[in-house]
Each structure stands twice: as structure tokens, then as C-alpha cells.
Amino acid sequence: MQPEIIVDGTKASDYPGDKLSVYGIFKHSHNWDVYELTEKDLRPEVREEVRKLIECKDEGHGFIEYFCDECGEFRTVHLGCISRLCSSCWKTHTDRWAAKLPKAMYDVPHRHIVLSFLNKLWPVFAD
């Protein structure tokens, strides 16, 4: 049996539904609303990405309706947010990007390495 996940006194099982998602964490108990009101230095880009995530697949942002000639039923597909935070929309974007990537690479053996460093060091590396 997997141990209970507890972060800052909140249990994963406290979240509605059977799976914990980025969307669920932001929406549960108005977590994002509370954070946004208390955090004064949020960049506009962060606010925008979270807003897109929270409104993802909301019918007010548009939808496409399909009709099946065989069964005579309509199917409505709500448009996604394409937010970097959205595990549903961004996964689709990432998969498309990954499929195109091999065509842009040279046909030679290579390795991909990601390096990161402290913000204080950016002036050292920036030109």
C-alpha cells in the first residue's frame, strides 16, 4: 500500500476526485485565489497562465461540435487553454514539438544536457 502524501498538513486524499492534478490543486479550496491575494510580486505572465489553466475547456471560450452521420449524435469538444501549466493541453503541444524535433536535428550521435545555475550568475553568462 502506498503511503499517504501529506504536504504542509494537507493530505492528497483531501482533494476531490480520484486523482491529484495541477488543476485540482489550484481550484481546491480556492488555493489560487488565496495565493494570488496574498502574493504581491506575481509576474503578469504567471497570473495569465494560471487564469488560462483554470478556464481550460470552459464553454465560454469556444467549442467545436461534430455530427456523426452513422449514429446521428452530436459531440461537443471544448477548446483548451494551451497553458504551460495544463497537463492536458501542454502535453499535446509537447508531443507535437517532440515529433518535429528529429527533423531539425543533424544526423549525428549527440547527447542532450540541461544546465541550470543561480539567478545571481546570469550576468556572468549573459552577453
Foldseek 3Di string as FASTA:
>chain_A
DDDWDADPRDTPVVFPDDDDALLRVCPPVVVVVVVVVVDDPDDPLVVLLNVQQNCFQPCVQDWDWDADPVPGDIDIGGHGRCRPRHPVNVVVVVVVVVVCVVVVDDPDDDDDDDDDDDPVCVVVVPD
